[in-house]
Amino acid sequence: MSVKVVRKPKKKRVSEKKVLQKLKSIQDKNRRLYVLKALSTVKRPWVGRVLSDCLDDPSEQIRDNLLVILGTWENLNVDRLYPRLNSPPWYVKSIILKLLGIRKEQKSIPHIAQLLSDDNVDVRKTAAETLGILGGKKSLALLNVLLKDHNQFVRSAAEKAIQKASEIKFTLE
């Protein structure tokens, strides 16, 4: 009697670099958004990295969708995002700041502090809003610095953020 060995076909390994290259090569933003949403349903460790690498997409609609997806993404390594706060374009800094606020990343406060003198008004304004969400003594100290910003929109955002950060919060236990 002979035994026939049946081998399962090897699964192709997905290269996150190739997926990212493919995504960036898609010209049509609606198609790109469709692919990103489909990709977000795949629960593999590399998917979060690919999605966070797409935060530099030129489409605000795509960045906003990624913000919603990554805001609740399990095991997102936010440490990978911090270096991106130090380089252009400005809209990547702003979307990362929003993401840090949604995720309530207290450890991001020192990284946000580096952006208080950023050339871009939107980055400083978003930094104020994020600090307001995070709250705490360190955030309030930084918001006081932004109260002296030369731009009225940044100062206004800092005032609102201080109010938000200063609110008494009750929790049920």
Protein backbone atom coordinates (compact mmCIF):
# COMPACT_ATOMS: atom_id res chain seq x y z
CA MET A 1 0.00 0.00 0.00
CA SER A 2 1.37 3.36 -0.97
CA VAL A 3 0.79 6.58 0.84
CA LYS A 4 0.27 9.68 -1.19
CA VAL A 5 1.47 12.85 0.44
CA VAL A 6 -0.67 15.83 -0.36
CA ARG A 7 1.06 19.11 0.20
CA LYS A 8 -0.81 22.25 0.82
CA PRO A 9 0.16 25.01 -1.52
CA LYS A 10 2.48 27.48 0.12
CA LYS A 11 0.80 30.66 1.18
CA LYS A 12 2.28 33.67 -0.45
CA ARG A 13 3.86 35.97 2.06
CA VAL A 14 2.56 39.46 1.77
CA SER A 15 5.25 42.07 1.72
CA GLU A 16 4.08 45.21 3.48
CA LYS A 17 6.54 47.20 1.38
CA LYS A 18 4.93 45.92 -1.83
CA VAL A 19 1.42 46.59 -0.50
CA LEU A 20 2.44 50.14 0.36
CA GLN A 21 4.02 50.65 -3.07
CA LYS A 22 0.87 49.35 -4.74
CA LEU A 23 -1.35 51.62 -2.65
CA LYS A 24 0.76 54.66 -3.45
CA SER A 25 0.64 53.85 -7.15
CA ILE A 26 -3.17 53.99 -7.30
CA GLN A 27 -3.98 57.36 -8.84
CA ASP A 28 -7.74 57.39 -8.27
CA LYS A 29 -8.37 58.47 -4.67
CA ASN A 30 -11.77 56.71 -4.50
CA ARG A 31 -10.18 53.43 -5.51
CA ARG A 32 -7.32 54.02 -3.07
CA LEU A 33 -9.85 54.64 -0.29
CA TYR A 34 -11.73 51.47 -1.23
CA VAL A 35 -8.52 49.42 -1.05
CA LEU A 36 -7.53 50.98 2.29
CA LYS A 37 -10.94 50.21 3.79
CA ALA A 38 -10.74 46.64 2.53
CA LEU A 39 -7.22 46.33 3.90
CA SER A 40 -8.40 47.56 7.30
CA THR A 41 -10.55 44.43 7.63
CA VAL A 42 -7.46 42.22 7.48
CA LYS A 43 -6.32 41.57 11.03
CA ARG A 44 -2.60 41.08 10.59
CA PRO A 45 0.14 42.90 12.53
CA TRP A 46 1.59 44.55 9.43
CA VAL A 47 -1.71 46.13 8.36
CA GLY A 48 -1.59 48.79 11.07
CA ARG A 49 1.91 49.74 9.95
CA VAL A 50 0.81 50.05 6.32
CA LEU A 51 -2.26 52.09 7.25
CA SER A 52 -0.21 54.44 9.43
CA ASP A 53 2.33 54.81 6.62
CA CYS A 54 -0.53 56.03 4.42
CA LEU A 55 -1.22 59.03 6.66
CA ASP A 56 0.81 61.08 4.19
CA ASP A 57 -1.82 60.59 1.49
CA PRO A 58 -2.50 63.87 -0.32
CA SER A 59 -6.27 63.31 -0.02
CA GLU A 60 -7.81 64.80 3.11
CA GLN A 61 -10.74 62.40 2.73
CA ILE A 62 -8.40 59.42 2.88
CA ARG A 63 -6.47 60.82 5.84
CA ASP A 64 -9.74 61.42 7.71
CA ASN A 65 -10.86 57.84 7.05
CA LEU A 66 -7.50 56.52 8.23
CA LEU A 67 -7.89 58.61 11.38
CA VAL A 68 -11.17 56.83 12.16
CA ILE A 69 -9.69 53.41 11.41
CA LEU A 70 -6.43 53.90 13.31
CA GLY A 71 -8.13 55.65 16.21
CA THR A 72 -9.45 52.30 17.39
CA TRP A 73 -6.78 50.02 15.89
CA GLU A 74 -5.56 47.46 18.42
CA ASN A 75 -1.84 47.35 19.11
CA LEU A 76 -1.00 50.39 16.99
CA ASN A 77 2.62 51.24 17.63
CA VAL A 78 2.42 55.01 18.10
CA ASP A 79 6.18 55.16 18.70
CA ARG A 80 6.53 54.73 14.92
CA LEU A 81 4.59 57.97 14.44
CA TYR A 82 6.72 60.28 16.56
CA PRO A 83 9.59 60.71 14.07
CA ARG A 84 7.05 61.78 11.44
CA LEU A 85 6.12 64.77 13.61
CA ASN A 86 9.54 66.25 12.81
CA SER A 87 9.32 66.30 9.03
CA PRO A 88 7.03 67.78 6.39
CA PRO A 89 4.39 67.92 5.09
CA TRP A 90 2.39 69.86 7.68
CA TYR A 91 -0.80 67.85 7.13
CA VAL A 92 0.92 64.65 8.26
CA LYS A 93 1.87 66.33 11.53
CA SER A 94 -1.70 67.54 12.00
CA ILE A 95 -3.33 64.16 11.33
CA ILE A 96 -0.86 62.40 13.64
CA LEU A 97 -1.64 64.93 16.38
CA LYS A 98 -5.36 64.23 15.94
CA LEU A 99 -4.67 60.49 16.12
CA LEU A 100 -2.68 60.90 19.33
CA GLY A 101 -5.60 62.83 20.81
CA ILE A 102 -8.16 60.21 19.84
CA ARG A 103 -5.98 57.51 21.34
CA LYS A 104 -5.33 59.63 24.46
CA GLU A 105 -1.60 59.02 24.26
CA GLN A 106 -0.23 60.79 27.36
CA LYS A 107 3.32 59.72 26.52
CA SER A 108 3.12 61.87 23.38
CA ILE A 109 3.16 65.17 25.28
CA PRO A 110 6.97 65.68 25.00
CA HIS A 111 6.72 65.07 21.25
CA ILE A 112 3.85 67.55 20.95
CA ALA A 113 5.91 70.12 22.88
CA GLN A 114 8.41 70.18 20.01
CA LEU A 115 5.66 71.41 17.68
CA LEU A 116 4.68 74.52 19.63
CA SER A 117 6.96 76.63 17.47
CA ASP A 118 6.19 74.90 14.16
CA ASP A 119 5.95 77.28 11.20
CA ASN A 120 2.50 76.02 10.26
CA VAL A 121 -0.52 77.52 12.03
CA ASP A 122 -2.64 74.39 11.58
CA VAL A 123 0.02 72.26 13.28
CA ARG A 124 0.18 74.58 16.30
CA LYS A 125 -3.64 74.83 16.45
CA THR A 126 -4.01 71.05 16.28
CA ALA A 127 -1.30 70.67 18.93
CA ALA A 128 -3.40 72.91 21.22
CA GLU A 129 -6.54 70.87 20.55
CA THR A 130 -4.70 67.60 21.22
CA LEU A 131 -3.21 68.91 24.46
CA GLY A 132 -6.72 69.91 25.55
CA ILE A 133 -7.92 66.37 24.96
CA LEU A 134 -4.97 64.86 26.83
CA GLY A 135 -5.21 67.23 29.78
CA GLY A 136 -2.98 67.14 32.83
CA LYS A 137 -0.41 69.53 34.28
CA LYS A 138 2.11 69.08 31.48
CA SER A 139 -0.53 69.81 28.83
CA LEU A 140 -1.74 72.90 30.69
CA ALA A 141 1.80 74.25 30.93
CA LEU A 142 2.25 73.85 27.17
CA LEU A 143 -1.16 75.38 26.47
CA ASN A 144 -0.12 78.45 28.45
CA VAL A 145 2.79 78.84 26.04
CA LEU A 146 0.36 78.67 23.10
CA LEU A 147 -1.77 81.40 24.68
CA LYS A 148 1.07 83.76 23.70
CA ASP A 149 1.23 82.56 20.08
CA HIS A 150 1.25 85.32 17.47
CA ASN A 151 -1.70 83.75 15.60
CA GLN A 152 -5.22 84.41 16.89
CA PHE A 153 -6.52 80.98 15.79
CA VAL A 154 -3.81 79.22 17.79
CA ARG A 155 -4.51 81.41 20.84
CA SER A 156 -8.25 80.72 20.54
CA ALA A 157 -7.65 76.96 20.26
CA ALA A 158 -5.37 77.14 23.31
CA GLU A 159 -8.06 78.94 25.33
CA LYS A 160 -10.68 76.34 24.43
CA ALA A 161 -8.22 73.54 25.13
CA ILE A 162 -7.42 74.93 28.58
CA GLN A 163 -11.12 75.01 29.37
CA LYS A 164 -11.49 71.44 28.17
CA ALA A 165 -8.40 70.23 30.03
CA SER A 166 -9.50 71.99 33.21
CA GLU A 167 -13.00 70.51 33.32
CA ILE A 168 -13.69 68.30 36.29
CA LYS A 169 -14.21 64.79 35.07
CA PHE A 170 -16.19 62.28 37.07
CA THR A 171 -15.94 58.56 36.62
CA LEU A 172 -18.20 55.85 37.91
CA GLU A 173 -16.45 53.02 39.66
